[in-house]
Amino acid sequence: MQTKTPSEGRFGRREILFGLGASAALPLLSGCGRRAYEELPPPTRADTRLDNVFPHVDSYLNIKNAHTDERVAVQFMKNGRESRRAIRKLDWVFRDWREDEAPDMDRRIYWGLATLTTIARQNGHSGEITLLSGFRTPRTTQHLRSKGIGAATKSYHMRRRAADIRLDGVPPQQVANVAEWLQIGGVGRYGDSFTHIDTGPIRTWGA
C-alpha cells in the first residue's frame, strides 16, 4: 500500500499558516472494562509534521458521538500539561458504546483531531467533529463483520488508535488530504461518508 502525496484541497497554506506561526510549516490547505490492552506507543514520533505543528495549535475539541448523541467540548492540554479530567471525557465519548467499554485512547488521535479542528476554525468552519467510530471491542468488530460491515480483524479501532470522523463543513476528501499531510498515521478515504484516521504506520487507502 503506497502513500500518496495529498493535494491542497481548499485548506490554503496562506489561510492556515497565519494562526499557527511560520515555524509550523502547515500544508497547503473511566475505563469501564478491565480487558488487557496492549501498551500504547508514546504520542510523539521522530519527526512528523504533526509533532512540529501540534505545539502551536489550540488543544480544543468539540465532538459529537453520532450514535449516542453525546457531546463533549474540552481543551485537553493547558500550558503544556494534559488535563486528565478532559481526557477522560474524550475517552468516554470515544468508547465502544455497544458495550460501554472506555479504555484510554491514544493521545496522538486527539493531537491530530485538535490540529484538524484548529485548521477548520481558521478557515471559517465550526470545527465540530462527528465521531462515527472510536474504540471497538473484538466482539463489536465481529458483530459488524457478521452484518457485512467492513471491519478489519486487526483494526486499529480495537487497539484504541483510530477514529472515523466527519468535520463540520469540510468535505471528507479535504480532511483526508490534510490528515495525510500531517503524517498522523493511516488515512482512509471513504467517499463523501467519512474519513478514517489512525496512529499506525503512515499509509493511505480509498474505499
C-alpha atoms as a PDB file:
ATOM      1  CA  MET A   1       0.000   0.000   0.000  1.00  0.00           C
ATOM      2  CA  GLN A   2       1.668   3.187  -1.134  1.00  0.00           C
ATOM      3  CA  THR A   3       1.355   6.557   0.477  1.00  0.00           C
ATOM      4  CA  LYS A   4       0.133   9.170  -1.944  1.00  0.00           C
ATOM      5  CA  THR A   5       1.040  12.840  -1.875  1.00  0.00           C
ATOM      6  CA  PRO A   6      -2.027  14.767  -0.714  1.00  0.00           C
ATOM      7  CA  SER A   7      -3.385  17.600  -2.781  1.00  0.00           C
ATOM      8  CA  GLU A   8      -4.040  21.040  -1.367  1.00  0.00           C
ATOM      9  CA  GLY A   9      -7.821  20.802  -1.239  1.00  0.00           C
ATOM     10  CA  ARG A  10      -9.406  24.027  -0.023  1.00  0.00           C
ATOM     11  CA  PHE A  11      -7.264  24.465   3.049  1.00  0.00           C
ATOM     12  CA  GLY A  12      -4.948  27.097   1.600  1.00  0.00           C
ATOM     13  CA  ARG A  13      -1.424  27.434   3.010  1.00  0.00           C
ATOM     14  CA  ARG A  14      -1.829  31.180   3.482  1.00  0.00           C
ATOM     15  CA  GLU A  15      -5.150  30.797   5.293  1.00  0.00           C
ATOM     16  CA  ILE A  16      -3.973  28.223   7.811  1.00  0.00           C
ATOM     17  CA  LEU A  17      -0.390  29.302   8.390  1.00  0.00           C
ATOM     18  CA  PHE A  18      -1.038  32.674   9.978  1.00  0.00           C
ATOM     19  CA  GLY A  19      -2.648  31.410  13.162  1.00  0.00           C
ATOM     20  CA  LEU A  20      -0.046  28.777  13.986  1.00  0.00           C
ATOM     21  CA  GLY A  21       3.201  30.585  13.375  1.00  0.00           C
ATOM     22  CA  ALA A  22       5.609  30.248  10.475  1.00  0.00           C
ATOM     23  CA  SER A  23       7.593  27.522  12.221  1.00  0.00           C
ATOM     24  CA  ALA A  24       4.575  25.218  11.956  1.00  0.00           C
ATOM     25  CA  ALA A  25       5.069  24.889   8.172  1.00  0.00           C
ATOM     26  CA  LEU A  26       1.491  23.766   7.593  1.00  0.00           C
ATOM     27  CA  PRO A  27       0.188  22.065   4.453  1.00  0.00           C
ATOM     28  CA  LEU A  28      -1.388  23.699   1.552  1.00  0.00           C
ATOM     29  CA  LEU A  29      -4.602  23.756   2.705  1.00  0.00           C
ATOM     30  CA  SER A  30     -13.478   5.976  33.371  1.00  0.00           C
ATOM     31  CA  GLY A  31     -12.286   2.897  31.784  1.00  0.00           C
ATOM     32  CA  CYS A  32     -15.303   0.660  32.247  1.00  0.00           C
ATOM     33  CA  GLY A  33     -13.709  -2.564  31.083  1.00  0.00           C
ATOM     34  CA  ARG A  34     -10.736  -4.301  32.607  1.00  0.00           C
ATOM     35  CA  ARG A  35      -9.615  -6.025  29.443  1.00  0.00           C
ATOM     36  CA  ALA A  36      -5.862  -6.498  28.981  1.00  0.00           C
ATOM     37  CA  TYR A  37      -4.842  -3.939  26.373  1.00  0.00           C
ATOM     38  CA  GLU A  38      -1.557  -3.642  24.576  1.00  0.00           C
ATOM     39  CA  GLU A  39       0.582  -0.748  25.683  1.00  0.00           C
ATOM     40  CA  LEU A  40       0.019   2.405  23.686  1.00  0.00           C
ATOM     41  CA  PRO A  41       3.027   3.953  21.950  1.00  0.00           C
ATOM     42  CA  PRO A  42       4.108   7.431  23.058  1.00  0.00           C
ATOM     43  CA  PRO A  43       2.173  10.082  21.127  1.00  0.00           C
ATOM     44  CA  THR A  44       5.366  11.803  19.964  1.00  0.00           C
ATOM     45  CA  ARG A  45       7.107  10.459  16.888  1.00  0.00           C
ATOM     46  CA  ALA A  46      10.523  11.078  15.452  1.00  0.00           C
ATOM     47  CA  ASP A  47       9.900  13.972  13.085  1.00  0.00           C
ATOM     48  CA  THR A  48       6.454  14.277  11.613  1.00  0.00           C
ATOM     49  CA  ARG A  49       4.584  17.401  10.666  1.00  0.00           C
ATOM     50  CA  LEU A  50       2.036  16.747  13.398  1.00  0.00           C
ATOM     51  CA  ASP A  51       4.784  16.805  16.030  1.00  0.00           C
ATOM     52  CA  ASN A  52       6.021  20.127  14.658  1.00  0.00           C
ATOM     53  CA  VAL A  53       2.548  21.642  14.349  1.00  0.00           C
ATOM     54  CA  PHE A  54       0.714  20.448  17.458  1.00  0.00           C
ATOM     55  CA  PRO A  55       2.592  22.694  19.953  1.00  0.00           C
ATOM     56  CA  HIS A  56       1.196  25.682  18.019  1.00  0.00           C
ATOM     57  CA  VAL A  57      -2.472  24.683  17.993  1.00  0.00           C
ATOM     58  CA  ASP A  58      -5.328  25.007  20.463  1.00  0.00           C
ATOM     59  CA  SER A  59      -5.977  21.610  22.052  1.00  0.00           C
ATOM     60  CA  TYR A  60      -9.700  22.284  21.940  1.00  0.00           C
ATOM     61  CA  LEU A  61     -12.038  19.544  20.731  1.00  0.00           C
ATOM     62  CA  ASN A  62     -15.790  19.749  20.170  1.00  0.00           C
ATOM     63  CA  ILE A  63     -17.024  16.231  19.439  1.00  0.00           C
ATOM     64  CA  LYS A  64     -20.434  14.670  18.994  1.00  0.00           C
ATOM     65  CA  ASN A  65     -20.904  10.905  19.049  1.00  0.00           C
ATOM     66  CA  ALA A  66     -23.161  10.077  16.091  1.00  0.00           C
ATOM     67  CA  HIS A  67     -24.644   7.005  17.811  1.00  0.00           C
ATOM     68  CA  THR A  68     -25.331   8.262  21.334  1.00  0.00           C
ATOM     69  CA  ASP A  69     -25.749  11.983  20.566  1.00  0.00           C
ATOM     70  CA  GLU A  70     -23.385  12.724  23.465  1.00  0.00           C
ATOM     71  CA  ARG A  71     -21.235  15.820  23.114  1.00  0.00           C
ATOM     72  CA  VAL A  72     -18.035  16.975  24.727  1.00  0.00           C
ATOM     73  CA  ALA A  73     -16.242  20.286  24.267  1.00  0.00           C
ATOM     74  CA  VAL A  74     -12.945  20.476  26.159  1.00  0.00           C
ATOM     75  CA  GLN A  75      -9.402  21.765  25.998  1.00  0.00           C
ATOM     76  CA  PHE A  76      -7.348  18.710  26.860  1.00  0.00           C
ATOM     77  CA  MET A  77      -3.995  20.462  27.369  1.00  0.00           C
ATOM     78  CA  LYS A  78      -3.262  23.685  29.224  1.00  0.00           C
ATOM     79  CA  ASN A  79       0.165  25.306  29.493  1.00  0.00           C
ATOM     80  CA  GLY A  80       1.713  22.188  28.006  1.00  0.00           C
ATOM     81  CA  ARG A  81       0.137  19.896  30.591  1.00  0.00           C
ATOM     82  CA  GLU A  82      -2.560  17.325  29.963  1.00  0.00           C
ATOM     83  CA  SER A  83      -5.913  17.686  31.690  1.00  0.00           C
ATOM     84  CA  ARG A  84      -6.763  14.205  32.907  1.00  0.00           C
ATOM     85  CA  ARG A  85     -10.382  15.179  33.502  1.00  0.00           C
ATOM     86  CA  ALA A  86     -10.768  16.388  29.920  1.00  0.00           C
ATOM     87  CA  ILE A  87      -9.068  13.264  28.573  1.00  0.00           C
ATOM     88  CA  ARG A  88     -11.472  11.011  30.462  1.00  0.00           C
ATOM     89  CA  LYS A  89     -14.426  12.897  28.969  1.00  0.00           C
ATOM     90  CA  LEU A  90     -12.993  12.351  25.496  1.00  0.00           C
ATOM     91  CA  ASP A  91     -12.263   8.682  26.194  1.00  0.00           C
ATOM     92  CA  TRP A  92     -15.881   8.208  27.272  1.00  0.00           C
ATOM     93  CA  VAL A  93     -17.264   9.711  24.050  1.00  0.00           C
ATOM     94  CA  PHE A  94     -14.818   7.511  22.091  1.00  0.00           C
ATOM     95  CA  ARG A  95     -15.891   4.375  23.972  1.00  0.00           C
ATOM     96  CA  ASP A  96     -17.426   1.253  22.461  1.00  0.00           C
ATOM     97  CA  TRP A  97     -20.983   2.390  23.164  1.00  0.00           C
ATOM     98  CA  ARG A  98     -22.412  -1.064  22.489  1.00  0.00           C
ATOM     99  CA  GLU A  99     -20.509  -2.459  25.474  1.00  0.00           C
ATOM    100  CA  ASP A 100     -19.806   0.745  27.438  1.00  0.00           C
ATOM    101  CA  GLU A 101     -16.113  -0.023  27.462  1.00  0.00           C
ATOM    102  CA  ALA A 102     -13.959   3.099  27.607  1.00  0.00           C
ATOM    103  CA  PRO A 103     -10.213   2.472  27.849  1.00  0.00           C
ATOM    104  CA  ASP A 104      -7.588   5.162  27.359  1.00  0.00           C
ATOM    105  CA  MET A 105      -7.331   6.257  23.735  1.00  0.00           C
ATOM    106  CA  ASP A 106      -4.041   7.033  22.024  1.00  0.00           C
ATOM    107  CA  ARG A 107      -3.328  10.699  22.706  1.00  0.00           C
ATOM    108  CA  ARG A 108      -1.974  11.101  19.171  1.00  0.00           C
ATOM    109  CA  ILE A 109      -5.525  10.709  17.853  1.00  0.00           C
ATOM    110  CA  TYR A 110      -6.537  13.704  19.954  1.00  0.00           C
ATOM    111  CA  TRP A 111      -3.473  15.647  18.787  1.00  0.00           C
ATOM    112  CA  GLY A 112      -4.419  15.037  15.168  1.00  0.00           C
ATOM    113  CA  LEU A 113      -8.076  15.908  15.630  1.00  0.00           C
ATOM    114  CA  ALA A 114      -7.253  19.102  17.526  1.00  0.00           C
ATOM    115  CA  THR A 115      -4.951  20.169  14.693  1.00  0.00           C
ATOM    116  CA  LEU A 116      -7.643  19.477  12.096  1.00  0.00           C
ATOM    117  CA  THR A 117     -10.129  21.391  14.244  1.00  0.00           C
ATOM    118  CA  THR A 118      -7.814  24.391  14.527  1.00  0.00           C
ATOM    119  CA  ILE A 119      -7.271  24.498  10.764  1.00  0.00           C
ATOM    120  CA  ALA A 120     -11.006  24.215  10.100  1.00  0.00           C
ATOM    121  CA  ARG A 121     -11.839  27.032  12.521  1.00  0.00           C
ATOM    122  CA  GLN A 122      -9.234  29.280  10.938  1.00  0.00           C
ATOM    123  CA  ASN A 123     -10.974  28.707   7.622  1.00  0.00           C
ATOM    124  CA  GLY A 124     -14.359  29.815   8.919  1.00  0.00           C
ATOM    125  CA  HIS A 125     -15.828  26.457   9.959  1.00  0.00           C
ATOM    126  CA  SER A 126     -17.158  25.488  13.373  1.00  0.00           C
ATOM    127  CA  GLY A 127     -14.539  22.782  13.903  1.00  0.00           C
ATOM    128  CA  GLU A 128     -17.157  20.397  15.305  1.00  0.00           C
ATOM    129  CA  ILE A 129     -16.319  16.750  14.780  1.00  0.00           C
ATOM    130  CA  THR A 130     -18.896  13.992  14.393  1.00  0.00           C
ATOM    131  CA  LEU A 131     -17.451  10.716  15.637  1.00  0.00           C
ATOM    132  CA  LEU A 132     -18.755   7.656  13.811  1.00  0.00           C
ATOM    133  CA  SER A 133     -16.435   5.137  15.411  1.00  0.00           C
ATOM    134  CA  GLY A 134     -13.731   5.310  18.057  1.00  0.00           C
ATOM    135  CA  PHE A 135     -12.755   2.336  20.202  1.00  0.00           C
ATOM    136  CA  ARG A 136     -14.295  -1.036  19.299  1.00  0.00           C
ATOM    137  CA  THR A 137     -14.054  -4.290  21.222  1.00  0.00           C
ATOM    138  CA  PRO A 138     -13.301  -7.539  19.378  1.00  0.00           C
ATOM    139  CA  ARG A 139     -16.911  -8.617  19.971  1.00  0.00           C
ATOM    140  CA  THR A 140     -18.256  -5.441  18.375  1.00  0.00           C
ATOM    141  CA  THR A 141     -15.890  -5.914  15.460  1.00  0.00           C
ATOM    142  CA  GLN A 142     -17.155  -9.459  14.961  1.00  0.00           C
ATOM    143  CA  HIS A 143     -20.743  -8.210  15.195  1.00  0.00           C
ATOM    144  CA  LEU A 144     -20.108  -5.650  12.454  1.00  0.00           C
ATOM    145  CA  ARG A 145     -18.415  -8.240  10.257  1.00  0.00           C
ATOM    146  CA  SER A 146     -21.364 -10.584  10.672  1.00  0.00           C
ATOM    147  CA  LYS A 147     -23.571  -7.834   9.267  1.00  0.00           C
ATOM    148  CA  GLY A 148     -21.340  -7.381   6.258  1.00  0.00           C
ATOM    149  CA  ILE A 149     -19.871  -4.106   7.503  1.00  0.00           C
ATOM    150  CA  GLY A 150     -16.212  -3.752   6.617  1.00  0.00           C
ATOM    151  CA  ALA A 151     -14.378  -4.022   9.934  1.00  0.00           C
ATOM    152  CA  ALA A 152     -10.811  -5.313   9.778  1.00  0.00           C
ATOM    153  CA  THR A 153      -9.960  -8.204  12.069  1.00  0.00           C
ATOM    154  CA  LYS A 154      -6.828  -6.366  13.227  1.00  0.00           C
ATOM    155  CA  SER A 155      -8.397  -2.933  13.182  1.00  0.00           C
ATOM    156  CA  TYR A 156      -6.697  -0.045  14.927  1.00  0.00           C
ATOM    157  CA  HIS A 157     -10.114   0.714  16.410  1.00  0.00           C
ATOM    158  CA  MET A 158      -9.622  -2.332  18.637  1.00  0.00           C
ATOM    159  CA  ARG A 159      -6.179  -1.037  19.582  1.00  0.00           C
ATOM    160  CA  ARG A 160      -7.549   2.346  20.769  1.00  0.00           C
ATOM    161  CA  ARG A 161      -5.732   4.122  17.961  1.00  0.00           C
ATOM    162  CA  ALA A 162      -8.361   5.058  15.350  1.00  0.00           C
ATOM    163  CA  ALA A 163     -11.314   7.335  14.656  1.00  0.00           C
ATOM    164  CA  ASP A 164     -13.841   7.574  11.820  1.00  0.00           C
ATOM    165  CA  ILE A 165     -14.952  11.186  11.612  1.00  0.00           C
ATOM    166  CA  ARG A 166     -16.726  13.960   9.780  1.00  0.00           C
ATOM    167  CA  LEU A 167     -15.573  17.557  10.204  1.00  0.00           C
ATOM    168  CA  ASP A 168     -18.406  20.074  10.014  1.00  0.00           C
ATOM    169  CA  GLY A 169     -18.433  21.954   6.713  1.00  0.00           C
ATOM    170  CA  VAL A 170     -15.297  20.302   5.325  1.00  0.00           C
ATOM    171  CA  PRO A 171     -15.539  17.607   2.611  1.00  0.00           C
ATOM    172  CA  PRO A 172     -14.062  14.269   3.755  1.00  0.00           C
ATOM    173  CA  GLN A 173     -11.523  14.300   0.923  1.00  0.00           C
ATOM    174  CA  GLN A 174     -10.113  17.585   2.192  1.00  0.00           C
ATOM    175  CA  VAL A 175      -9.994  16.259   5.736  1.00  0.00           C
ATOM    176  CA  ALA A 176      -8.070  13.252   4.438  1.00  0.00           C
ATOM    177  CA  ASN A 177      -5.668  15.426   2.446  1.00  0.00           C
ATOM    178  CA  VAL A 178      -4.670  17.464   5.474  1.00  0.00           C
ATOM    179  CA  ALA A 179      -4.560  14.447   7.813  1.00  0.00           C
ATOM    180  CA  GLU A 180      -2.240  12.723   5.364  1.00  0.00           C
ATOM    181  CA  TRP A 181      -0.029  15.793   5.102  1.00  0.00           C
ATOM    182  CA  LEU A 182       0.191  15.964   8.891  1.00  0.00           C
ATOM    183  CA  GLN A 183       1.542  12.380   8.961  1.00  0.00           C
ATOM    184  CA  ILE A 184      -0.773  11.355  11.777  1.00  0.00           C
ATOM    185  CA  GLY A 185      -0.602   7.729  10.633  1.00  0.00           C
ATOM    186  CA  GLY A 186      -3.099   5.868   8.478  1.00  0.00           C
ATOM    187  CA  VAL A 187      -5.702   7.776   6.478  1.00  0.00           C
ATOM    188  CA  GLY A 188      -8.662   6.085   4.809  1.00  0.00           C
ATOM    189  CA  ARG A 189     -10.893   7.842   2.295  1.00  0.00           C
ATOM    190  CA  TYR A 190     -14.496   6.627   2.313  1.00  0.00           C
ATOM    191  CA  GLY A 191     -16.010   8.834  -0.358  1.00  0.00           C
ATOM    192  CA  ASP A 192     -18.356  11.512   0.905  1.00  0.00           C
ATOM    193  CA  SER A 193     -19.200   9.481   4.007  1.00  0.00           C
ATOM    194  CA  PHE A 194     -16.274   9.909   6.400  1.00  0.00           C
ATOM    195  CA  THR A 195     -12.521   9.912   6.914  1.00  0.00           C
ATOM    196  CA  HIS A 196     -10.650   7.241   8.847  1.00  0.00           C
ATOM    197  CA  ILE A 197      -7.600   8.314  10.844  1.00  0.00           C
ATOM    198  CA  ASP A 198      -5.350   6.051  12.876  1.00  0.00           C
ATOM    199  CA  THR A 199      -1.949   6.270  14.542  1.00  0.00           C
ATOM    200  CA  GLY A 200      -0.437   3.259  12.835  1.00  0.00           C
ATOM    201  CA  PRO A 201       2.240   3.431  10.117  1.00  0.00           C
ATOM    202  CA  ILE A 202       1.885   6.276   7.630  1.00  0.00           C
ATOM    203  CA  ARG A 203      -0.200   4.955   4.742  1.00  0.00           C
ATOM    204  CA  THR A 204      -3.364   5.756   2.795  1.00  0.00           C
ATOM    205  CA  TRP A 205      -6.182   3.924   1.038  1.00  0.00           C
ATOM    206  CA  GLY A 206      -9.581   4.521  -0.513  1.00  0.00           C
ATOM    207  CA  ALA A 207     -12.855   2.625  -0.433  1.00  0.00           C
END
